[in-house]
N, C-alpha and C. Protein backbone atom coordinates (compact mmCIF):
# COMPACT_ATOMS: atom_id res chain seq x y z
N MET A 1 25.30 12.78 -3.24
CA MET A 1 23.69 13.07 -2.76
C MET A 1 23.10 12.22 -3.80
N PRO A 2 22.22 11.66 -3.09
CA PRO A 2 21.17 10.87 -4.18
C PRO A 2 20.02 11.86 -4.68
N PHE A 3 19.64 11.36 -5.70
CA PHE A 3 18.63 12.10 -6.32
C PHE A 3 17.27 11.35 -5.74
N ARG A 4 16.39 12.19 -5.26
CA ARG A 4 15.03 11.76 -4.18
C ARG A 4 14.03 11.98 -5.04
N VAL A 5 13.16 10.94 -4.94
CA VAL A 5 11.73 10.80 -5.88
C VAL A 5 10.80 10.47 -4.73
N CYS A 6 9.65 10.94 -4.19
CA CYS A 6 8.91 10.93 -3.61
C CYS A 6 7.05 10.75 -4.41
N PHE A 7 6.57 9.62 -4.37
CA PHE A 7 5.21 9.40 -5.05
C PHE A 7 4.13 10.02 -3.96
N VAL A 8 3.14 10.45 -4.45
CA VAL A 8 1.84 10.82 -3.51
C VAL A 8 0.59 10.63 -3.95
N CYS A 9 -0.12 9.90 -3.32
CA CYS A 9 -1.31 9.71 -3.70
C CYS A 9 -2.39 10.33 -2.31
N THR A 10 -3.41 9.89 -2.09
CA THR A 10 -4.19 10.32 -1.27
C THR A 10 -4.10 9.51 -0.06
N GLY A 11 -4.01 8.11 0.27
CA GLY A 11 -3.77 7.36 1.61
C GLY A 11 -2.39 6.82 1.59
N ASN A 12 -1.58 6.28 0.57
CA ASN A 12 -0.64 5.85 0.52
C ASN A 12 -0.56 4.55 1.03
N ILE A 13 -1.76 3.98 0.21
CA ILE A 13 -1.92 2.33 0.76
C ILE A 13 -2.23 1.80 -0.89
N CYS A 14 -2.41 2.65 -1.95
CA CYS A 14 -2.79 1.69 -3.06
C CYS A 14 -1.68 2.32 -4.45
N ARG A 15 -2.19 3.74 -4.94
CA ARG A 15 -1.24 4.29 -6.29
C ARG A 15 0.21 4.38 -5.89
N SER A 16 0.24 5.06 -4.84
CA SER A 16 1.42 5.58 -4.72
C SER A 16 2.63 4.75 -4.03
N PRO A 17 2.09 3.60 -3.00
CA PRO A 17 3.34 2.22 -2.81
C PRO A 17 3.25 1.90 -4.03
N MET A 18 2.33 1.70 -5.23
CA MET A 18 2.45 0.93 -6.18
C MET A 18 3.60 1.59 -7.55
N ALA A 19 3.25 2.67 -7.28
CA ALA A 19 4.40 3.23 -8.18
C ALA A 19 5.86 3.85 -7.80
N GLU A 20 5.70 3.41 -6.14
CA GLU A 20 7.34 3.55 -5.78
C GLU A 20 7.63 2.34 -5.74
N SER A 21 7.43 0.90 -5.68
CA SER A 21 7.51 -0.41 -6.12
C SER A 21 8.16 -0.50 -7.08
N VAL A 22 7.10 -0.23 -8.38
CA VAL A 22 7.64 -0.45 -9.81
C VAL A 22 8.76 0.26 -10.18
N PHE A 23 8.96 1.71 -9.50
CA PHE A 23 10.05 2.71 -9.95
C PHE A 23 11.67 2.15 -9.09
N ARG A 24 11.09 1.82 -8.17
CA ARG A 24 12.30 1.30 -7.48
C ARG A 24 12.74 -0.06 -8.29
N ALA A 25 12.11 -0.96 -8.59
CA ALA A 25 12.47 -2.13 -9.64
C ALA A 25 13.23 -1.11 -10.93
N ARG A 26 12.78 -0.06 -11.21
CA ARG A 26 13.41 0.61 -12.48
C ARG A 26 14.68 0.88 -12.36
N ILE A 27 14.60 1.48 -10.99
CA ILE A 27 16.10 2.28 -10.85
C ILE A 27 17.10 0.77 -10.33
N HIS A 28 16.50 -0.22 -10.28
CA HIS A 28 17.60 -1.29 -9.84
C HIS A 28 18.04 -2.02 -10.99
N GLU A 29 16.98 -2.24 -12.01
CA GLU A 29 17.25 -2.65 -13.17
C GLU A 29 18.29 -1.94 -14.07
N ALA A 30 18.13 -0.34 -13.63
CA ALA A 30 19.19 0.58 -14.41
C ALA A 30 20.21 0.49 -13.90
N GLY A 31 20.79 0.13 -12.82
CA GLY A 31 21.79 0.04 -12.00
C GLY A 31 22.07 1.48 -11.45
N LEU A 32 20.97 1.89 -11.01
CA LEU A 32 20.82 3.15 -10.37
C LEU A 32 20.92 3.22 -9.05
N ASP A 33 20.81 1.75 -7.89
CA ASP A 33 20.72 1.58 -7.05
C ASP A 33 22.06 2.78 -6.08
N GLY A 34 21.42 3.21 -5.25
CA GLY A 34 22.51 4.31 -4.52
C GLY A 34 22.84 5.54 -5.05
N LEU A 35 22.16 5.99 -6.30
CA LEU A 35 21.96 7.04 -6.98
C LEU A 35 20.50 7.75 -6.89
N VAL A 36 19.88 6.90 -6.77
CA VAL A 36 18.07 7.36 -6.90
C VAL A 36 17.70 6.76 -5.37
N GLU A 37 16.81 7.86 -4.68
CA GLU A 37 15.87 7.02 -3.30
C GLU A 37 14.50 7.26 -3.83
N VAL A 38 13.63 6.44 -3.39
CA VAL A 38 12.29 5.95 -3.70
C VAL A 38 11.51 6.07 -2.72
N ASP A 39 10.71 7.05 -2.34
CA ASP A 39 9.57 6.68 -1.58
C ASP A 39 8.34 6.68 -1.66
N SER A 40 7.10 7.35 -0.88
CA SER A 40 5.92 7.48 -1.20
C SER A 40 5.42 7.90 0.16
N ALA A 41 4.13 8.61 -0.18
CA ALA A 41 3.55 9.32 0.97
C ALA A 41 1.89 9.43 0.51
N GLY A 42 1.29 9.89 1.45
CA GLY A 42 -0.13 10.36 1.03
C GLY A 42 -0.37 11.48 1.50
N THR A 43 -1.57 12.33 0.77
CA THR A 43 -1.49 13.72 0.97
C THR A 43 -2.57 13.90 2.84
N ASP A 44 -3.02 12.68 2.78
CA ASP A 44 -3.87 12.74 4.21
C ASP A 44 -3.09 11.41 4.93
N GLY A 45 -3.67 11.71 5.93
CA GLY A 45 -2.78 10.42 7.29
C GLY A 45 -3.87 9.52 8.03
N TRP A 46 -5.01 8.99 7.11
CA TRP A 46 -5.57 8.13 7.32
C TRP A 46 -5.30 6.50 7.78
N HIS A 47 -4.20 6.50 6.69
CA HIS A 47 -3.76 4.99 6.84
C HIS A 47 -2.45 5.08 7.34
N GLU A 48 -2.05 5.80 7.83
CA GLU A 48 -0.62 6.28 8.62
C GLU A 48 -0.08 4.64 9.45
N GLY A 49 0.83 4.36 9.02
CA GLY A 49 1.49 2.69 9.95
C GLY A 49 0.76 1.85 9.05
N ASP A 50 -0.07 1.81 8.31
CA ASP A 50 -0.78 0.92 7.52
C ASP A 50 -0.11 0.01 6.66
N GLY A 51 0.08 -1.16 6.47
CA GLY A 51 0.87 -1.79 5.02
C GLY A 51 0.12 -1.18 3.54
N ALA A 52 0.30 -1.47 2.54
CA ALA A 52 -0.57 -1.57 1.22
C ALA A 52 -1.70 -2.36 1.38
N ASP A 53 -2.76 -2.09 0.51
CA ASP A 53 -4.04 -2.61 0.35
C ASP A 53 -3.74 -4.22 -0.36
N HIS A 54 -4.40 -5.08 0.25
CA HIS A 54 -4.00 -6.42 -0.34
C HIS A 54 -4.04 -6.29 -1.60
N ARG A 55 -4.87 -5.66 -2.28
CA ARG A 55 -5.22 -5.74 -3.92
C ARG A 55 -3.81 -5.28 -4.52
N THR A 56 -3.43 -3.83 -3.91
CA THR A 56 -2.04 -3.61 -4.27
C THR A 56 -0.63 -4.75 -4.44
N VAL A 57 -0.80 -5.16 -3.11
CA VAL A 57 -0.01 -6.41 -2.46
C VAL A 57 -0.05 -7.22 -3.51
N SER A 58 -0.84 -7.82 -3.84
CA SER A 58 -1.26 -8.88 -4.75
C SER A 58 -1.10 -8.67 -6.49
N VAL A 59 -1.66 -7.56 -6.83
CA VAL A 59 -1.18 -7.21 -8.16
C VAL A 59 0.29 -6.85 -8.24
N LEU A 60 0.89 -6.53 -7.51
CA LEU A 60 2.68 -5.86 -7.23
C LEU A 60 3.21 -7.18 -7.35
N ALA A 61 3.02 -8.55 -6.59
CA ALA A 61 3.42 -9.73 -6.58
C ALA A 61 3.24 -10.28 -8.00
N ALA A 62 2.40 -10.13 -8.41
CA ALA A 62 1.81 -11.40 -9.75
C ALA A 62 2.79 -10.36 -11.13
N GLY A 63 2.78 -8.93 -10.79
CA GLY A 63 3.94 -8.59 -11.75
C GLY A 63 5.26 -8.69 -11.28
N GLY A 64 5.66 -9.13 -10.34
CA GLY A 64 7.29 -9.76 -9.94
C GLY A 64 7.81 -8.47 -9.48
N TYR A 65 7.03 -7.53 -8.45
CA TYR A 65 7.48 -6.35 -7.84
C TYR A 65 7.42 -7.02 -6.26
N GLU A 66 8.51 -6.31 -5.51
CA GLU A 66 8.30 -6.17 -3.75
C GLU A 66 7.52 -5.20 -3.56
N SER A 67 7.11 -5.37 -2.59
CA SER A 67 6.30 -4.47 -1.63
C SER A 67 6.36 -4.61 -0.22
N GLY A 68 7.15 -3.79 0.54
CA GLY A 68 6.97 -3.99 2.13
C GLY A 68 7.01 -2.30 2.40
N HIS A 69 5.84 -2.06 2.54
CA HIS A 69 5.37 -0.94 3.15
C HIS A 69 4.48 -0.18 3.71
N ARG A 70 4.77 0.68 4.63
CA ARG A 70 4.39 1.30 5.68
C ARG A 70 3.57 2.64 5.44
N ALA A 71 2.32 3.01 5.37
CA ALA A 71 1.75 4.22 4.95
C ALA A 71 2.09 5.26 5.79
N ARG A 72 2.61 6.70 4.77
CA ARG A 72 2.70 7.76 6.18
C ARG A 72 2.01 9.23 5.34
N GLN A 73 2.00 10.41 5.77
CA GLN A 73 1.74 11.09 5.26
C GLN A 73 2.67 12.43 5.14
N PHE A 74 2.40 12.89 4.03
CA PHE A 74 3.41 13.60 3.19
C PHE A 74 3.83 14.98 4.21
N ASN A 75 4.66 15.38 4.40
CA ASN A 75 5.29 16.52 5.25
C ASN A 75 5.78 17.72 4.36
N ALA A 76 5.51 18.78 4.36
CA ALA A 76 5.75 20.18 3.61
C ALA A 76 7.32 20.18 3.98
N SER A 77 7.98 19.85 5.04
CA SER A 77 9.09 20.06 5.37
C SER A 77 10.38 18.85 4.44
N TRP A 78 9.50 18.09 3.71
CA TRP A 78 10.43 17.36 3.18
C TRP A 78 10.84 17.84 1.28
N PHE A 79 10.00 18.86 0.87
CA PHE A 79 10.30 19.53 -0.07
C PHE A 79 11.88 19.85 -0.13
N SER A 80 12.34 20.27 0.99
CA SER A 80 13.86 20.82 0.74
C SER A 80 14.97 19.64 0.49
N ARG A 81 14.43 18.46 0.95
CA ARG A 81 15.40 17.21 0.48
C ARG A 81 15.03 16.24 -0.53
N LEU A 82 13.37 16.45 -1.54
CA LEU A 82 13.44 16.08 -2.59
C LEU A 82 13.63 16.58 -3.96
N ASP A 83 13.93 15.96 -4.94
CA ASP A 83 14.25 16.67 -6.23
C ASP A 83 13.07 16.66 -7.00
N LEU A 84 12.25 15.28 -6.81
CA LEU A 84 10.72 15.04 -7.77
C LEU A 84 9.73 14.93 -6.59
N VAL A 85 8.43 15.20 -6.78
CA VAL A 85 7.45 14.98 -5.83
C VAL A 85 6.52 14.77 -6.76
N ILE A 86 6.11 13.20 -6.80
CA ILE A 86 5.21 12.70 -8.34
C ILE A 86 3.82 12.46 -7.65
N ALA A 87 3.02 13.21 -8.33
CA ALA A 87 1.50 13.40 -7.61
C ALA A 87 0.65 12.23 -8.95
N LEU A 88 -0.43 11.34 -8.28
CA LEU A 88 -0.95 10.60 -8.94
C LEU A 88 -2.00 10.73 -9.85
N ASP A 89 -2.64 12.17 -9.11
CA ASP A 89 -3.72 13.04 -9.68
C ASP A 89 -3.46 14.11 -9.71
N ALA A 90 -4.37 14.97 -10.61
CA ALA A 90 -4.81 16.44 -10.65
C ALA A 90 -4.85 16.86 -8.99
N GLY A 91 -5.79 16.57 -8.30
CA GLY A 91 -6.23 16.66 -6.96
C GLY A 91 -4.76 16.76 -5.94
N HIS A 92 -3.97 15.88 -6.31
CA HIS A 92 -2.83 15.80 -5.25
C HIS A 92 -1.81 16.71 -5.54
N LEU A 93 -1.72 16.97 -7.32
CA LEU A 93 -0.61 17.86 -7.52
C LEU A 93 -1.33 19.56 -7.11
N ARG A 94 -2.54 19.95 -6.99
CA ARG A 94 -2.92 21.04 -6.32
C ARG A 94 -2.58 21.12 -4.83
N THR A 95 -2.91 19.85 -4.41
CA THR A 95 -2.34 19.92 -2.92
C THR A 95 -1.19 20.43 -2.53
N LEU A 96 -0.27 19.46 -3.42
CA LEU A 96 1.16 19.44 -2.77
C LEU A 96 1.79 20.83 -3.36
N ARG A 97 1.34 21.35 -4.47
CA ARG A 97 1.52 22.57 -5.11
C ARG A 97 1.32 23.59 -4.00
N ARG A 98 0.12 23.72 -3.45
CA ARG A 98 -0.35 24.74 -2.21
C ARG A 98 0.55 24.28 -0.63
N LEU A 99 1.14 23.31 -1.01
CA LEU A 99 1.76 22.77 0.70
C LEU A 99 3.30 23.49 0.53
N ALA A 100 3.47 23.60 -0.94
CA ALA A 100 5.29 24.07 -1.17
C ALA A 100 5.72 24.77 -0.67
N PRO A 101 6.83 25.26 0.21
CA PRO A 101 7.12 26.57 1.10
C PRO A 101 7.44 27.92 -0.18
N THR A 102 7.99 27.26 -1.15
CA THR A 102 8.59 28.21 -2.35
C THR A 102 8.03 27.83 -3.42
N PRO A 103 8.31 28.84 -4.33
CA PRO A 103 7.80 28.39 -6.21
C PRO A 103 9.02 27.52 -6.49
N ASP A 104 10.07 27.28 -6.25
CA ASP A 104 11.10 26.20 -6.85
C ASP A 104 10.78 24.84 -6.23
N ASP A 105 10.16 24.65 -5.05
CA ASP A 105 9.53 23.72 -4.37
C ASP A 105 7.93 23.08 -4.87
N ALA A 106 7.08 24.08 -5.36
CA ALA A 106 5.91 23.53 -6.13
C ALA A 106 6.40 23.05 -7.70
N GLU A 107 7.21 23.65 -8.07
CA GLU A 107 8.26 23.33 -9.55
C GLU A 107 8.69 21.92 -9.46
N LYS A 108 8.89 21.23 -8.50
CA LYS A 108 9.30 19.73 -8.24
C LYS A 108 8.04 18.91 -8.54
N VAL A 109 7.20 19.48 -8.42
CA VAL A 109 5.53 18.24 -8.36
C VAL A 109 5.35 18.10 -9.63
N ARG A 110 4.97 17.03 -9.91
CA ARG A 110 5.03 16.85 -11.67
C ARG A 110 3.59 15.52 -11.48
N LEU A 111 3.00 15.45 -12.26
CA LEU A 111 1.93 14.09 -12.53
C LEU A 111 2.69 12.95 -13.24
N LEU A 112 2.64 11.72 -12.75
CA LEU A 112 3.15 10.55 -13.13
C LEU A 112 2.93 10.52 -14.39
N ARG A 113 1.83 10.75 -15.05
CA ARG A 113 1.88 10.24 -16.17
C ARG A 113 1.73 11.44 -17.50
N SER A 114 2.33 12.38 -16.67
CA SER A 114 3.06 13.46 -17.84
C SER A 114 4.08 12.71 -18.31
N TYR A 115 4.88 11.84 -17.88
CA TYR A 115 6.27 11.34 -18.35
C TYR A 115 5.84 9.69 -18.96
N ASP A 116 4.54 9.64 -19.47
CA ASP A 116 4.08 8.55 -20.36
C ASP A 116 3.52 9.25 -21.67
N PRO A 117 4.25 9.27 -22.79
CA PRO A 117 4.28 9.90 -24.15
C PRO A 117 2.88 9.42 -24.90
N SER A 118 2.18 7.93 -24.59
CA SER A 118 1.10 7.52 -25.11
C SER A 118 0.07 8.13 -24.38
N THR A 119 -0.03 8.67 -23.35
CA THR A 119 -1.06 9.39 -22.78
C THR A 119 -1.54 10.50 -23.34
N GLY A 120 -2.93 10.88 -23.08
CA GLY A 120 -3.57 11.62 -24.01
C GLY A 120 -3.76 13.14 -23.20
N THR A 121 -4.76 13.52 -22.91
CA THR A 121 -5.29 14.55 -21.75
C THR A 121 -5.58 14.30 -20.57
N ASP A 122 -5.89 13.01 -20.29
CA ASP A 122 -5.95 12.90 -18.79
C ASP A 122 -5.21 11.91 -18.32
N LEU A 123 -4.43 13.02 -17.49
CA LEU A 123 -3.33 12.59 -16.68
C LEU A 123 -3.01 11.70 -15.36
N ASP A 124 -4.56 11.87 -14.99
CA ASP A 124 -4.65 11.04 -13.65
C ASP A 124 -4.75 9.76 -13.72
N VAL A 125 -3.78 8.77 -12.74
CA VAL A 125 -3.92 7.59 -12.61
C VAL A 125 -5.52 7.50 -11.53
N PRO A 126 -6.37 6.73 -12.21
CA PRO A 126 -7.60 6.85 -10.84
C PRO A 126 -7.05 5.98 -9.97
N ASP A 127 -8.02 6.08 -8.93
CA ASP A 127 -8.18 5.53 -7.63
C ASP A 127 -8.83 4.51 -7.41
N PRO A 128 -8.16 3.02 -7.87
CA PRO A 128 -8.74 1.82 -7.56
C PRO A 128 -9.30 1.43 -6.05
N TYR A 129 -9.12 2.21 -5.39
CA TYR A 129 -9.28 1.58 -4.08
C TYR A 129 -11.17 1.05 -3.86
N TYR A 130 -11.86 1.50 -4.43
CA TYR A 130 -13.49 1.15 -4.15
C TYR A 130 -13.65 0.54 -5.54
N GLY A 131 -12.77 -0.12 -6.10
CA GLY A 131 -12.75 -1.09 -7.45
C GLY A 131 -12.45 -2.38 -7.06
N GLY A 132 -12.27 -3.06 -7.95
CA GLY A 132 -12.20 -4.79 -8.30
C GLY A 132 -10.63 -4.72 -8.58
N ILE A 133 -10.39 -6.03 -8.36
CA ILE A 133 -8.82 -6.36 -8.79
C ILE A 133 -8.22 -5.60 -10.35
N ASP A 134 -9.16 -5.51 -11.28
CA ASP A 134 -9.14 -5.37 -12.51
C ASP A 134 -8.91 -3.75 -12.54
N ASP A 135 -9.16 -3.15 -11.39
CA ASP A 135 -8.82 -1.94 -11.38
C ASP A 135 -7.36 -1.52 -10.95
N PHE A 136 -7.06 -2.28 -10.08
CA PHE A 136 -5.69 -2.55 -9.48
C PHE A 136 -4.76 -2.53 -10.84
N GLU A 137 -5.16 -3.68 -11.58
CA GLU A 137 -4.16 -4.04 -12.53
C GLU A 137 -4.08 -2.91 -13.74
N GLU A 138 -5.00 -2.19 -13.65
CA GLU A 138 -5.19 -0.89 -14.71
C GLU A 138 -4.39 0.37 -14.12
N CYS A 139 -4.02 0.14 -12.89
CA CYS A 139 -3.30 1.25 -11.94
C CYS A 139 -2.04 0.78 -12.12
N LEU A 140 -1.65 -0.54 -12.59
CA LEU A 140 -0.09 -0.64 -12.40
C LEU A 140 0.20 -0.95 -13.72
N ARG A 141 -0.58 -1.21 -14.96
CA ARG A 141 -0.18 -0.79 -16.24
C ARG A 141 0.14 0.83 -16.34
N MET A 142 -0.55 1.47 -15.93
CA MET A 142 -0.51 2.85 -16.17
C MET A 142 0.77 3.35 -15.64
N VAL A 143 0.63 2.87 -14.59
CA VAL A 143 2.14 3.05 -13.37
C VAL A 143 3.30 2.88 -14.26
N GLU A 144 3.09 1.49 -14.57
CA GLU A 144 4.57 1.20 -15.54
C GLU A 144 4.75 1.62 -16.92
N ALA A 145 3.75 2.16 -17.59
CA ALA A 145 4.14 2.89 -18.80
C ALA A 145 4.67 4.03 -18.61
N ALA A 146 4.03 4.97 -17.40
CA ALA A 146 4.99 6.21 -16.97
C ALA A 146 6.49 6.08 -16.39
N SER A 147 6.82 4.90 -15.75
CA SER A 147 7.65 4.87 -15.24
C SER A 147 8.95 4.75 -16.22
N ASP A 148 8.91 4.33 -17.23
CA ASP A 148 9.93 4.40 -18.05
C ASP A 148 10.73 5.76 -18.53
N GLY A 149 9.31 6.49 -18.73
CA GLY A 149 9.69 7.95 -19.22
C GLY A 149 10.25 8.68 -18.11
N LEU A 150 9.83 8.58 -16.93
CA LEU A 150 10.36 9.29 -15.61
C LEU A 150 11.94 8.80 -15.31
N LEU A 151 12.18 7.52 -15.89
CA LEU A 151 13.28 6.91 -15.40
C LEU A 151 14.18 7.79 -16.44
N ASP A 152 14.11 8.16 -17.69
CA ASP A 152 14.62 8.64 -18.67
C ASP A 152 14.94 10.34 -18.07
N ALA A 153 14.07 10.79 -17.22
CA ALA A 153 14.08 12.05 -16.76
C ALA A 153 15.09 12.17 -15.71
N VAL A 154 14.98 11.02 -14.89
CA VAL A 154 16.13 11.03 -13.62
C VAL A 154 17.17 10.90 -14.30
N ARG A 155 17.67 9.74 -15.15
CA ARG A 155 18.97 9.97 -15.59
C ARG A 155 19.14 11.37 -16.09
N ALA A 156 18.35 11.93 -17.35
CA ALA A 156 18.93 13.38 -17.27
C ALA A 156 19.18 14.10 -16.71
N ALA A 157 18.58 14.12 -15.46
CA ALA A 157 19.15 15.20 -14.05
C ALA A 157 20.33 14.56 -13.54
N LEU A 158 20.52 13.15 -13.61
CA LEU A 158 21.67 12.71 -12.87
C LEU A 158 22.85 13.17 -13.84
N GLU A 159 22.77 12.89 -15.25
CA GLU A 159 23.96 13.33 -15.92
C GLU A 159 23.83 14.92 -15.95
N GLY A 160 22.98 15.86 -15.71
CA GLY A 160 23.09 17.30 -15.57
C GLY A 160 23.60 17.33 -14.00
N ARG A 161 23.51 16.64 -13.26
CA ARG A 161 24.11 16.84 -12.05
C ARG A 161 25.92 16.35 -12.16
N ALA A 162 26.46 15.35 -12.82
CA ALA A 162 27.67 15.30 -13.15
C ALA A 162 28.82 16.26 -14.26
N ALA A 163 27.52 17.13 -15.01
CA ALA A 163 28.14 18.01 -15.92
C ALA A 163 28.76 19.06 -15.15
């Protein structure tokens, strides 16, 4: 059974699809295709069915990442099949932990930037939606920096499963 990771932001058109694309690329580069499944969702359903924001797509393309995405809203029933639920900011973390049906499910929820050892105390990835392209580029830098640490954590979890 694959290890499953879901990235969650508010509308699932900026931060979480960006994190999904970057982490999927890290999984591929690490040769973990088939062992890890990556997707994303939003805490709210405002953009369900929409593609990623054009600025997200542009920044991902400039970084060499693929982006085939359709927004969807996170459903609490998914907790049972997910290993990690990665929140992009503290508000998402609180919402997801409230949605979690069990304490074990709540423990699956982590902040993305908690995987970046160079991050200080502010673990939020700011929402770039109301900003310019430079805000999206900064978002990508934060996602990339945290993705390496997340990859290490997923590798460790996979090794724990094999033991």
